[in-house]
Amino acid sequence: MKYVYVYACHEDEQALCQLELRSLLGAGVVIGARHAVSARCVEPSRSPFLKLRLDVWLEAGSVEELASRVGELTVRGSTFKVVFAETDTAVSYDRQRDVERELGRHVRGKAQMRQPDQWFAVTELGGRWLFGDCSYGEAVWLQHQQKPQNYSTALGTRLARAVVNIAVPEIAGRRVIDPCCGIGTVLIEAISMGIDIVGNDMNPLAVRGARVNLDHFGMPNVVSHGDMRTLGAASEQGPESLASPEGGYDALILDMPYNLCSKLPEDEQLLMLQSARRLTKHRAVIITTEQIDPLIKQAGFRIAERCMVRKGNFRRQILVCE
């Protein structure tokens, strides 16, 4: 089956959005200015950018041909609504409403505008008309903005959710670690998607804040207190340590520490990256405000993809490493 996704993003997040779409929707994805087409079925609520997913059940060369076939479909429940999904093809507002009405007349069931049992979507793409089941995305990340504990340099929830999707496009069977988790923004987004993740931080205040935030959303305490440079090492590290064999995590998300007043020395950055390489042999997403390509290479990673995220004059690099 083919799936059409409609997305929206700010121009400052365009590179991040497209990197996330490539990760989530697979190598064969075709990305347009406002839509993506993929053979992979993804819940739209996973992404902060996806608005809806159209499961293509029928395809025709004209609305009339499509209308003649929609009567064959079975409606879940007794009521339905047909909506027009706007892709890159320019279709006027009046034409969109006409198409919705024309197809709705042929669907077996009762049209319901507000709370239908089933949503259908129709769109025009590449000169073809597509029709099928419609799933809307929910802005789950928006609910997580209201955390009891916060600080100004923490990742925003939209960025954190996108980074999680880039690191863990497929959830089943994946074990993930955020070794510098701060107040738990990444952890919250990951857990809300059903991802098996643990966090760690060497700052006891951050650990306490993360635990408060997790508890606020009814999530389990998955945070350990310790230095990431010793995680996964052979030596015993106490009752709160994250005991994991080398390379024991399928994915790692690392937001490199920084502040406005001082710079982390390169030797310390390298030790952190070497620890990250020890913790995962697969995929790491590293977030940095500095140019650290040589250090990443020295630590044994290869940068597969990257993008820049801007917020005013502040810039972060998102590096996908393997």
C-alpha atoms as a PDB file:
ATOM      1  CA  MET A   1       0.000   0.000   0.000  1.00  0.00           C
ATOM      2  CA  LYS A   2       1.036   3.595  -0.619  1.00  0.00           C
ATOM      3  CA  TYR A   3       0.752   6.311   2.050  1.00  0.00           C
ATOM      4  CA  VAL A   4       0.584  10.067   1.483  1.00  0.00           C
ATOM      5  CA  TYR A   5       1.604  12.297   4.381  1.00  0.00           C
ATOM      6  CA  VAL A   6       0.856  16.014   4.654  1.00  0.00           C
ATOM      7  CA  TYR A   7       3.299  18.004   6.775  1.00  0.00           C
ATOM      8  CA  ALA A   8       3.961  21.590   7.847  1.00  0.00           C
ATOM      9  CA  CYS A   9       7.034  23.247   9.339  1.00  0.00           C
ATOM     10  CA  HIS A  10       8.595  26.661   9.865  1.00  0.00           C
ATOM     11  CA  GLU A  11      11.334  27.579   7.393  1.00  0.00           C
ATOM     12  CA  ASP A  12      13.905  27.453  10.215  1.00  0.00           C
ATOM     13  CA  GLU A  13      12.951  23.800  10.809  1.00  0.00           C
ATOM     14  CA  GLN A  14      12.750  22.681   7.197  1.00  0.00           C
ATOM     15  CA  ALA A  15      16.061  20.783   7.203  1.00  0.00           C
ATOM     16  CA  LEU A  16      15.162  19.095  10.511  1.00  0.00           C
ATOM     17  CA  CYS A  17      11.705  18.174   9.213  1.00  0.00           C
ATOM     18  CA  GLN A  18      13.071  16.593   6.050  1.00  0.00           C
ATOM     19  CA  LEU A  19      15.729  14.669   7.963  1.00  0.00           C
ATOM     20  CA  GLU A  20      13.023  13.330  10.281  1.00  0.00           C
ATOM     21  CA  LEU A  21      10.781  12.384   7.334  1.00  0.00           C
ATOM     22  CA  ARG A  22      13.630  10.506   5.634  1.00  0.00           C
ATOM     23  CA  SER A  23      14.328   8.626   8.857  1.00  0.00           C
ATOM     24  CA  LEU A  24      10.711   7.813   9.727  1.00  0.00           C
ATOM     25  CA  LEU A  25       9.389   7.047   6.255  1.00  0.00           C
ATOM     26  CA  GLY A  26      12.317   5.055   4.880  1.00  0.00           C
ATOM     27  CA  ALA A  27      14.798   5.205   2.037  1.00  0.00           C
ATOM     28  CA  GLY A  28      12.172   5.147  -0.716  1.00  0.00           C
ATOM     29  CA  VAL A  29      10.275   8.187   0.543  1.00  0.00           C
ATOM     30  CA  VAL A  30       9.506  10.955  -1.970  1.00  0.00           C
ATOM     31  CA  ILE A  31       9.319  14.364  -0.269  1.00  0.00           C
ATOM     32  CA  GLY A  32       7.572  17.352  -1.802  1.00  0.00           C
ATOM     33  CA  ALA A  33       7.109  20.882  -0.517  1.00  0.00           C
ATOM     34  CA  ARG A  34       4.069  19.956   1.604  1.00  0.00           C
ATOM     35  CA  HIS A  35       3.722  16.195   1.323  1.00  0.00           C
ATOM     36  CA  ALA A  36       5.628  12.915   1.366  1.00  0.00           C
ATOM     37  CA  VAL A  37       4.824   9.560  -0.233  1.00  0.00           C
ATOM     38  CA  SER A  38       6.066   6.323   1.301  1.00  0.00           C
ATOM     39  CA  ALA A  39       5.369   2.592   1.482  1.00  0.00           C
ATOM     40  CA  ARG A  40       5.919   2.789   5.262  1.00  0.00           C
ATOM     41  CA  CYS A  41       2.928   3.237   7.590  1.00  0.00           C
ATOM     42  CA  VAL A  42       3.719   5.612  10.473  1.00  0.00           C
ATOM     43  CA  GLU A  43       1.344   7.046  13.059  1.00  0.00           C
ATOM     44  CA  PRO A  44       1.186  10.810  12.268  1.00  0.00           C
ATOM     45  CA  SER A  45       1.213  11.732  15.973  1.00  0.00           C
ATOM     46  CA  ARG A  46       4.804  10.508  16.206  1.00  0.00           C
ATOM     47  CA  SER A  47       6.061  13.541  14.310  1.00  0.00           C
ATOM     48  CA  PRO A  48       5.706  17.197  15.348  1.00  0.00           C
ATOM     49  CA  PHE A  49       5.422  18.033  11.636  1.00  0.00           C
ATOM     50  CA  LEU A  50       2.940  15.503  10.231  1.00  0.00           C
ATOM     51  CA  LYS A  51      -0.656  16.726   9.945  1.00  0.00           C
ATOM     52  CA  LEU A  52      -2.303  13.635   8.439  1.00  0.00           C
ATOM     53  CA  ARG A  53      -1.778  10.326   6.676  1.00  0.00           C
ATOM     54  CA  LEU A  54      -3.824   9.209   3.678  1.00  0.00           C
ATOM     55  CA  ASP A  55      -3.874   5.432   3.180  1.00  0.00           C
ATOM     56  CA  VAL A  56      -4.324   5.130  -0.564  1.00  0.00           C
ATOM     57  CA  TRP A  57      -7.112   2.609  -1.221  1.00  0.00           C
ATOM     58  CA  LEU A  58      -8.260   3.873  -4.618  1.00  0.00           C
ATOM     59  CA  GLU A  59      -6.482   5.701  -7.440  1.00  0.00           C
ATOM     60  CA  ALA A  60      -8.054   7.093 -10.619  1.00  0.00           C
ATOM     61  CA  GLY A  61      -7.436   9.474 -13.479  1.00  0.00           C
ATOM     62  CA  SER A  62     -10.469  11.644 -12.694  1.00  0.00           C
ATOM     63  CA  VAL A  63     -12.852  12.539  -9.866  1.00  0.00           C
ATOM     64  CA  GLU A  64     -15.694  10.947 -11.829  1.00  0.00           C
ATOM     65  CA  GLU A  65     -13.853   7.636 -12.076  1.00  0.00           C
ATOM     66  CA  LEU A  66     -12.992   7.803  -8.385  1.00  0.00           C
ATOM     67  CA  ALA A  67     -16.613   8.566  -7.465  1.00  0.00           C
ATOM     68  CA  SER A  68     -17.797   5.497  -9.353  1.00  0.00           C
ATOM     69  CA  ARG A  69     -15.587   3.293  -7.176  1.00  0.00           C
ATOM     70  CA  VAL A  70     -15.898   4.726  -3.658  1.00  0.00           C
ATOM     71  CA  GLY A  71     -19.261   3.045  -3.200  1.00  0.00           C
ATOM     72  CA  GLU A  72     -17.420  -0.259  -3.015  1.00  0.00           C
ATOM     73  CA  LEU A  73     -15.760   0.745   0.258  1.00  0.00           C
ATOM     74  CA  THR A  74     -17.004  -0.250   3.703  1.00  0.00           C
ATOM     75  CA  VAL A  75     -17.380   2.512   6.312  1.00  0.00           C
ATOM     76  CA  ARG A  76     -16.336   1.770   9.887  1.00  0.00           C
ATOM     77  CA  GLY A  77     -19.480   2.524  11.886  1.00  0.00           C
ATOM     78  CA  SER A  78     -22.322   4.391  10.234  1.00  0.00           C
ATOM     79  CA  THR A  79     -21.015   7.932   9.708  1.00  0.00           C
ATOM     80  CA  PHE A  80     -18.127   9.400   7.727  1.00  0.00           C
ATOM     81  CA  LYS A  81     -16.539  12.603   6.478  1.00  0.00           C
ATOM     82  CA  VAL A  82     -14.482  13.227   3.330  1.00  0.00           C
ATOM     83  CA  VAL A  83     -11.715  15.867   3.556  1.00  0.00           C
ATOM     84  CA  PHE A  84      -9.362  17.205   0.904  1.00  0.00           C
ATOM     85  CA  ALA A  85      -5.674  16.729   1.737  1.00  0.00           C
ATOM     86  CA  GLU A  86      -3.611  19.609   0.323  1.00  0.00           C
ATOM     87  CA  THR A  87      -0.379  18.430  -1.284  1.00  0.00           C
ATOM     88  CA  ASP A  88       1.853  20.317  -3.732  1.00  0.00           C
ATOM     89  CA  THR A  89      -0.832  20.331  -6.464  1.00  0.00           C
ATOM     90  CA  ALA A  90      -2.687  23.666  -6.498  1.00  0.00           C
ATOM     91  CA  VAL A  91      -6.435  23.071  -6.127  1.00  0.00           C
ATOM     92  CA  SER A  92      -8.768  25.984  -5.399  1.00  0.00           C
ATOM     93  CA  TYR A  93     -10.856  26.087  -2.227  1.00  0.00           C
ATOM     94  CA  ASP A  94     -14.132  25.814  -4.183  1.00  0.00           C
ATOM     95  CA  ARG A  95     -12.820  22.865  -6.193  1.00  0.00           C
ATOM     96  CA  GLN A  96     -11.755  21.088  -2.996  1.00  0.00           C
ATOM     97  CA  ARG A  97     -15.238  21.431  -1.500  1.00  0.00           C
ATOM     98  CA  ASP A  98     -16.853  20.255  -4.753  1.00  0.00           C
ATOM     99  CA  VAL A  99     -14.658  17.145  -4.798  1.00  0.00           C
ATOM    100  CA  GLU A 100     -15.484  16.363  -1.161  1.00  0.00           C
ATOM    101  CA  ARG A 101     -19.218  16.641  -1.851  1.00  0.00           C
ATOM    102  CA  GLU A 102     -19.064  14.611  -5.065  1.00  0.00           C
ATOM    103  CA  LEU A 103     -17.228  11.711  -3.428  1.00  0.00           C
ATOM    104  CA  GLY A 104     -19.318  11.950  -0.268  1.00  0.00           C
ATOM    105  CA  ARG A 105     -22.482  11.424  -2.329  1.00  0.00           C
ATOM    106  CA  HIS A 106     -21.204   8.021  -3.423  1.00  0.00           C
ATOM    107  CA  VAL A 107     -19.909   6.684  -0.095  1.00  0.00           C
ATOM    108  CA  ARG A 108     -22.278   4.236   1.562  1.00  0.00           C
ATOM    109  CA  GLY A 109     -23.124   5.686   4.954  1.00  0.00           C
ATOM    110  CA  LYS A 110     -24.272   8.919   6.559  1.00  0.00           C
ATOM    111  CA  ALA A 111     -22.157  12.055   6.236  1.00  0.00           C
ATOM    112  CA  GLN A 112     -21.281  13.630   9.584  1.00  0.00           C
ATOM    113  CA  MET A 113     -19.325  16.888   9.719  1.00  0.00           C
ATOM    114  CA  ARG A 114     -18.189  17.008  13.342  1.00  0.00           C
ATOM    115  CA  GLN A 115     -17.530  13.584  14.880  1.00  0.00           C
ATOM    116  CA  PRO A 116     -17.719  10.924  12.168  1.00  0.00           C
ATOM    117  CA  ASP A 117     -16.969   7.266  12.826  1.00  0.00           C
ATOM    118  CA  GLN A 118     -14.508   7.331   9.940  1.00  0.00           C
ATOM    119  CA  TRP A 119     -12.485   9.975   8.132  1.00  0.00           C
ATOM    120  CA  PHE A 120     -11.680   9.671   4.434  1.00  0.00           C
ATOM    121  CA  ALA A 121      -9.252  11.868   2.509  1.00  0.00           C
ATOM    122  CA  VAL A 122      -8.872  12.672  -1.169  1.00  0.00           C
ATOM    123  CA  THR A 123      -6.070  14.459  -2.996  1.00  0.00           C
ATOM    124  CA  GLU A 124      -4.688  15.119  -6.447  1.00  0.00           C
ATOM    125  CA  LEU A 125      -1.067  14.169  -6.961  1.00  0.00           C
ATOM    126  CA  GLY A 126       0.897  13.875 -10.189  1.00  0.00           C
ATOM    127  CA  GLY A 127      -2.250  14.061 -12.304  1.00  0.00           C
ATOM    128  CA  ARG A 128      -3.903  11.199 -10.381  1.00  0.00           C
ATOM    129  CA  TRP A 129      -6.723  11.296  -7.831  1.00  0.00           C
ATOM    130  CA  LEU A 130      -6.135   9.330  -4.614  1.00  0.00           C
ATOM    131  CA  PHE A 131      -8.701   8.298  -1.985  1.00  0.00           C
ATOM    132  CA  GLY A 132      -8.585   6.329   1.246  1.00  0.00           C
ATOM    133  CA  ASP A 133      -8.599   6.247   5.018  1.00  0.00           C
ATOM    134  CA  CYS A 134      -7.429   9.406   6.807  1.00  0.00           C
ATOM    135  CA  SER A 135      -5.556   9.604  10.136  1.00  0.00           C
ATOM    136  CA  TYR A 136      -4.849  12.955  11.786  1.00  0.00           C
ATOM    137  CA  GLY A 137      -1.805  13.662  13.919  1.00  0.00           C
ATOM    138  CA  GLU A 138      -2.129  14.841  17.510  1.00  0.00           C
ATOM    139  CA  ALA A 139       0.303  17.438  18.898  1.00  0.00           C
ATOM    140  CA  VAL A 140       1.438  15.236  21.800  1.00  0.00           C
ATOM    141  CA  TRP A 141       4.684  17.201  22.124  1.00  0.00           C
ATOM    142  CA  LEU A 142       2.658  20.363  22.830  1.00  0.00           C
ATOM    143  CA  GLN A 143       1.266  18.850  26.026  1.00  0.00           C
ATOM    144  CA  HIS A 144       4.808  18.269  27.281  1.00  0.00           C
ATOM    145  CA  GLN A 145       5.791  21.933  27.199  1.00  0.00           C
ATOM    146  CA  GLN A 146       4.192  22.465  30.602  1.00  0.00           C
ATOM    147  CA  LYS A 147       6.825  20.751  32.731  1.00  0.00           C
ATOM    148  CA  PRO A 148       7.323  21.567  36.436  1.00  0.00           C
ATOM    149  CA  GLN A 149      11.104  21.739  35.955  1.00  0.00           C
ATOM    150  CA  ASN A 150      12.703  23.596  33.057  1.00  0.00           C
ATOM    151  CA  TYR A 151      15.727  25.631  32.062  1.00  0.00           C
ATOM    152  CA  SER A 152      16.487  27.966  29.194  1.00  0.00           C
ATOM    153  CA  THR A 153      19.083  25.844  27.345  1.00  0.00           C
ATOM    154  CA  ALA A 154      16.981  22.661  27.339  1.00  0.00           C
ATOM    155  CA  LEU A 155      15.835  21.319  23.972  1.00  0.00           C
ATOM    156  CA  GLY A 156      12.364  22.393  22.903  1.00  0.00           C
ATOM    157  CA  THR A 157       9.792  19.611  22.848  1.00  0.00           C
ATOM    158  CA  ARG A 158       9.337  19.786  19.035  1.00  0.00           C
ATOM    159  CA  LEU A 159      13.071  19.442  18.473  1.00  0.00           C
ATOM    160  CA  ALA A 160      13.368  16.688  21.089  1.00  0.00           C
ATOM    161  CA  ARG A 161      10.561  14.668  19.489  1.00  0.00           C
ATOM    162  CA  ALA A 162      12.055  15.019  16.010  1.00  0.00           C
ATOM    163  CA  VAL A 163      15.490  13.965  17.307  1.00  0.00           C
ATOM    164  CA  VAL A 164      13.988  10.861  18.926  1.00  0.00           C
ATOM    165  CA  ASN A 165      12.345   9.914  15.622  1.00  0.00           C
ATOM    166  CA  ILE A 166      15.623  10.411  13.764  1.00  0.00           C
ATOM    167  CA  ALA A 167      17.438   8.206  16.277  1.00  0.00           C
ATOM    168  CA  VAL A 168      14.728   5.545  16.579  1.00  0.00           C
ATOM    169  CA  PRO A 169      12.579   5.379  13.429  1.00  0.00           C
ATOM    170  CA  GLU A 170      11.522   1.805  14.247  1.00  0.00           C
ATOM    171  CA  ILE A 171      10.553   1.206  17.875  1.00  0.00           C
ATOM    172  CA  ALA A 172      10.107  -2.537  18.309  1.00  0.00           C
ATOM    173  CA  GLY A 173      12.953  -4.224  20.145  1.00  0.00           C
ATOM    174  CA  ARG A 174      15.108  -1.080  20.356  1.00  0.00           C
ATOM    175  CA  ARG A 175      16.962  -0.078  23.541  1.00  0.00           C
ATOM    176  CA  VAL A 176      17.933   3.594  23.734  1.00  0.00           C
ATOM    177  CA  ILE A 177      19.988   5.776  26.072  1.00  0.00           C
ATOM    178  CA  ASP A 178      20.251   9.520  26.672  1.00  0.00           C
ATOM    179  CA  PRO A 179      23.484   9.714  28.716  1.00  0.00           C
ATOM    180  CA  CYS A 180      23.242  13.481  29.391  1.00  0.00           C
ATOM    181  CA  CYS A 181      19.486  13.683  29.827  1.00  0.00           C
ATOM    182  CA  GLY A 182      19.241  16.981  31.739  1.00  0.00           C
ATOM    183  CA  ILE A 183      15.636  17.556  32.842  1.00  0.00           C
ATOM    184  CA  GLY A 184      14.372  14.691  30.697  1.00  0.00           C
ATOM    185  CA  THR A 185      12.884  16.400  27.632  1.00  0.00           C
ATOM    186  CA  VAL A 186      14.090  13.654  25.271  1.00  0.00           C
ATOM    187  CA  LEU A 187      13.055  10.933  27.728  1.00  0.00           C
ATOM    188  CA  ILE A 188       9.497  12.264  27.932  1.00  0.00           C
ATOM    189  CA  GLU A 189       9.061  12.371  24.158  1.00  0.00           C
ATOM    190  CA  ALA A 190      10.536   8.882  23.734  1.00  0.00           C
ATOM    191  CA  ILE A 191       8.470   7.270  26.496  1.00  0.00           C
ATOM    192  CA  SER A 192       5.285   8.868  25.127  1.00  0.00           C
ATOM    193  CA  MET A 193       5.969   6.973  21.880  1.00  0.00           C
ATOM    194  CA  GLY A 194       6.493   3.658  23.667  1.00  0.00           C
ATOM    195  CA  ILE A 195      10.278   3.628  23.269  1.00  0.00           C
ATOM    196  CA  ASP A 196      12.419   1.680  25.739  1.00  0.00           C
ATOM    197  CA  ILE A 197      14.810   4.414  26.911  1.00  0.00           C
ATOM    198  CA  VAL A 198      16.946   5.178  29.956  1.00  0.00           C
ATOM    199  CA  GLY A 199      18.583   8.438  30.972  1.00  0.00           C
ATOM    200  CA  ASN A 200      21.629   9.509  32.914  1.00  0.00           C
ATOM    201  CA  ASP A 201      23.166  12.767  34.080  1.00  0.00           C
ATOM    202  CA  MET A 202      26.103  13.695  36.280  1.00  0.00           C
ATOM    203  CA  ASN A 203      24.297  16.748  37.699  1.00  0.00           C
ATOM    204  CA  PRO A 204      22.189  15.647  40.704  1.00  0.00           C
ATOM    205  CA  LEU A 205      19.912  18.674  40.310  1.00  0.00           C
ATOM    206  CA  ALA A 206      19.200  17.718  36.698  1.00  0.00           C
ATOM    207  CA  VAL A 207      18.504  14.123  37.729  1.00  0.00           C
ATOM    208  CA  ARG A 208      16.071  15.350  40.377  1.00  0.00           C
ATOM    209  CA  GLY A 209      14.392  17.651  37.857  1.00  0.00           C
ATOM    210  CA  ALA A 210      14.073  14.859  35.293  1.00  0.00           C
ATOM    211  CA  ARG A 211      12.451  12.586  37.840  1.00  0.00           C
ATOM    212  CA  VAL A 212       9.986  15.301  38.832  1.00  0.00           C
ATOM    213  CA  ASN A 213       9.079  15.895  35.171  1.00  0.00           C
ATOM    214  CA  LEU A 214       8.659  12.186  34.433  1.00  0.00           C
ATOM    215  CA  ASP A 215       6.451  11.742  37.470  1.00  0.00           C
ATOM    216  CA  HIS A 216       4.374  14.773  36.433  1.00  0.00           C
ATOM    217  CA  PHE A 217       3.398  12.960  33.217  1.00  0.00           C
ATOM    218  CA  GLY A 218       2.869   9.611  34.956  1.00  0.00           C
ATOM    219  CA  MET A 219       6.045   8.135  33.479  1.00  0.00           C
ATOM    220  CA  PRO A 220       8.463   5.756  35.227  1.00  0.00           C
ATOM    221  CA  ASN A 221      11.751   6.822  36.771  1.00  0.00           C
ATOM    222  CA  VAL A 222      14.331   5.731  34.185  1.00  0.00           C
ATOM    223  CA  VAL A 223      17.067   8.168  35.242  1.00  0.00           C
ATOM    224  CA  SER A 224      20.433   7.282  36.728  1.00  0.00           C
ATOM    225  CA  HIS A 225      22.974   9.600  38.369  1.00  0.00           C
ATOM    226  CA  GLY A 226      26.526   9.280  37.087  1.00  0.00           C
ATOM    227  CA  ASP A 227      29.216  10.364  34.660  1.00  0.00           C
ATOM    228  CA  MET A 228      28.520   9.123  31.124  1.00  0.00           C
ATOM    229  CA  ARG A 229      32.247   8.603  30.607  1.00  0.00           C
ATOM    230  CA  THR A 230      32.091   5.622  32.974  1.00  0.00           C
ATOM    231  CA  LEU A 231      28.782   4.146  31.777  1.00  0.00           C
ATOM    232  CA  GLY A 232      29.109   0.614  30.483  1.00  0.00           C
ATOM    233  CA  ALA A 233      32.638   0.298  31.888  1.00  0.00           C
ATOM    234  CA  ALA A 234      33.668  -2.950  33.494  1.00  0.00           C
ATOM    235  CA  SER A 235      34.071  -1.498  36.992  1.00  0.00           C
ATOM    236  CA  GLU A 236      31.208  -1.476  39.478  1.00  0.00           C
ATOM    237  CA  GLN A 237      29.673   1.986  39.758  1.00  0.00           C
ATOM    238  CA  GLY A 238      27.230   1.751  42.615  1.00  0.00           C
ATOM    239  CA  PRO A 239      23.499   1.054  42.939  1.00  0.00           C
ATOM    240  CA  GLU A 240      22.354   3.869  40.652  1.00  0.00           C
ATOM    241  CA  SER A 241      24.637   3.006  37.704  1.00  0.00           C
ATOM    242  CA  LEU A 242      23.352   1.904  34.305  1.00  0.00           C
ATOM    243  CA  ALA A 243      24.927  -1.523  33.926  1.00  0.00           C
ATOM    244  CA  SER A 244      25.062  -2.310  30.216  1.00  0.00           C
ATOM    245  CA  PRO A 245      27.573  -4.237  28.115  1.00  0.00           C
ATOM    246  CA  GLU A 246      29.601  -2.370  25.545  1.00  0.00           C
ATOM    247  CA  GLY A 247      27.435  -1.486  22.565  1.00  0.00           C
ATOM    248  CA  GLY A 248      24.379  -2.616  24.527  1.00  0.00           C
ATOM    249  CA  TYR A 249      22.102   0.146  23.210  1.00  0.00           C
ATOM    250  CA  ASP A 250      20.602   0.211  19.727  1.00  0.00           C
ATOM    251  CA  ALA A 251      20.545   4.012  19.671  1.00  0.00           C
ATOM    252  CA  LEU A 252      21.976   6.907  21.648  1.00  0.00           C
ATOM    253  CA  ILE A 253      20.928  10.559  21.818  1.00  0.00           C
ATOM    254  CA  LEU A 254      23.539  12.972  23.131  1.00  0.00           C
ATOM    255  CA  ASP A 255      22.990  16.701  23.591  1.00  0.00           C
ATOM    256  CA  MET A 256      26.554  17.903  24.151  1.00  0.00           C
ATOM    257  CA  PRO A 257      26.795  20.096  27.285  1.00  0.00           C
ATOM    258  CA  TYR A 258      27.336  23.790  26.711  1.00  0.00           C
ATOM    259  CA  ASN A 259      26.651  27.169  28.278  1.00  0.00           C
ATOM    260  CA  LEU A 260      27.082  30.779  27.369  1.00  0.00           C
ATOM    261  CA  CYS A 261      29.960  31.469  29.746  1.00  0.00           C
ATOM    262  CA  SER A 262      32.425  28.632  29.216  1.00  0.00           C
ATOM    263  CA  LYS A 263      33.434  26.073  26.613  1.00  0.00           C
ATOM    264  CA  LEU A 264      33.879  22.355  27.272  1.00  0.00           C
ATOM    265  CA  PRO A 265      37.525  21.450  26.563  1.00  0.00           C
ATOM    266  CA  GLU A 266      38.137  19.277  23.510  1.00  0.00           C
ATOM    267  CA  ASP A 267      39.672  16.452  25.541  1.00  0.00           C
ATOM    268  CA  GLU A 268      36.500  16.223  27.653  1.00  0.00           C
ATOM    269  CA  GLN A 269      34.315  16.323  24.548  1.00  0.00           C
ATOM    270  CA  LEU A 270      36.364  13.485  23.048  1.00  0.00           C
ATOM    271  CA  LEU A 271      35.985  11.375  26.191  1.00  0.00           C
ATOM    272  CA  MET A 272      32.210  11.857  26.037  1.00  0.00           C
ATOM    273  CA  LEU A 273      32.084  10.886  22.362  1.00  0.00           C
ATOM    274  CA  GLN A 274      34.280   7.831  22.971  1.00  0.00           C
ATOM    275  CA  SER A 275      31.902   6.791  25.743  1.00  0.00           C
ATOM    276  CA  ALA A 276      28.959   7.261  23.392  1.00  0.00           C
ATOM    277  CA  ARG A 277      30.719   5.044  20.833  1.00  0.00           C
ATOM    278  CA  ARG A 278      31.221   2.405  23.513  1.00  0.00           C
ATOM    279  CA  LEU A 279      27.550   2.505  24.526  1.00  0.00           C
ATOM    280  CA  THR A 280      26.194   1.944  20.998  1.00  0.00           C
ATOM    281  CA  LYS A 281      27.611   0.222  17.954  1.00  0.00           C
ATOM    282  CA  HIS A 282      24.649   1.240  15.839  1.00  0.00           C
ATOM    283  CA  ARG A 283      23.159   4.749  15.664  1.00  0.00           C
ATOM    284  CA  ALA A 284      23.836   7.942  17.592  1.00  0.00           C
ATOM    285  CA  VAL A 285      22.242  11.360  17.165  1.00  0.00           C
ATOM    286  CA  ILE A 286      24.539  14.050  18.538  1.00  0.00           C
ATOM    287  CA  ILE A 287      23.380  17.619  19.108  1.00  0.00           C
ATOM    288  CA  THR A 288      26.056  20.279  19.307  1.00  0.00           C
ATOM    289  CA  THR A 289      26.477  24.037  19.081  1.00  0.00           C
ATOM    290  CA  GLU A 290      30.129  23.655  18.041  1.00  0.00           C
ATOM    291  CA  GLN A 291      32.046  22.200  15.097  1.00  0.00           C
ATOM    292  CA  ILE A 292      33.168  18.796  16.403  1.00  0.00           C
ATOM    293  CA  ASP A 293      33.488  16.724  13.198  1.00  0.00           C
ATOM    294  CA  PRO A 294      37.160  15.784  13.819  1.00  0.00           C
ATOM    295  CA  LEU A 295      36.351  14.639  17.366  1.00  0.00           C
ATOM    296  CA  ILE A 296      33.434  12.519  16.153  1.00  0.00           C
ATOM    297  CA  LYS A 297      35.695  10.823  13.618  1.00  0.00           C
ATOM    298  CA  GLN A 298      38.400  10.331  16.234  1.00  0.00           C
ATOM    299  CA  ALA A 299      35.841   8.676  18.535  1.00  0.00           C
ATOM    300  CA  GLY A 300      35.084   6.107  15.824  1.00  0.00           C
ATOM    301  CA  PHE A 301      31.816   7.477  14.423  1.00  0.00           C
ATOM    302  CA  ARG A 302      30.928   8.280  10.814  1.00  0.00           C
ATOM    303  CA  ILE A 303      28.540  11.187  10.148  1.00  0.00           C
ATOM    304  CA  ALA A 304      25.822   9.783   7.866  1.00  0.00           C
ATOM    305  CA  GLU A 305      23.524  12.833   7.779  1.00  0.00           C
ATOM    306  CA  ARG A 306      23.290  16.251   9.352  1.00  0.00           C
ATOM    307  CA  CYS A 307      21.175  19.368   9.533  1.00  0.00           C
ATOM    308  CA  MET A 308      21.196  22.776  11.190  1.00  0.00           C
ATOM    309  CA  VAL A 309      18.382  24.051  13.423  1.00  0.00           C
ATOM    310  CA  ARG A 310      18.122  27.788  13.997  1.00  0.00           C
ATOM    311  CA  LYS A 311      16.291  29.714  16.672  1.00  0.00           C
ATOM    312  CA  GLY A 312      17.034  33.393  16.122  1.00  0.00           C
ATOM    313  CA  ASN A 313      20.835  33.683  16.192  1.00  0.00           C
ATOM    314  CA  PHE A 314      21.222  30.417  18.110  1.00  0.00           C
ATOM    315  CA  ARG A 315      22.183  27.374  16.039  1.00  0.00           C
ATOM    316  CA  ARG A 316      22.335  23.679  16.801  1.00  0.00           C
ATOM    317  CA  GLN A 317      23.769  20.955  14.589  1.00  0.00           C
ATOM    318  CA  ILE A 318      21.985  17.593  14.498  1.00  0.00           C
ATOM    319  CA  LEU A 319      24.480  14.905  13.504  1.00  0.00           C
ATOM    320  CA  VAL A 320      23.365  11.371  12.652  1.00  0.00           C
ATOM    321  CA  CYS A 321      26.325   9.109  13.367  1.00  0.00           C
ATOM    322  CA  GLU A 322      26.952   5.450  12.678  1.00  0.00           C
END
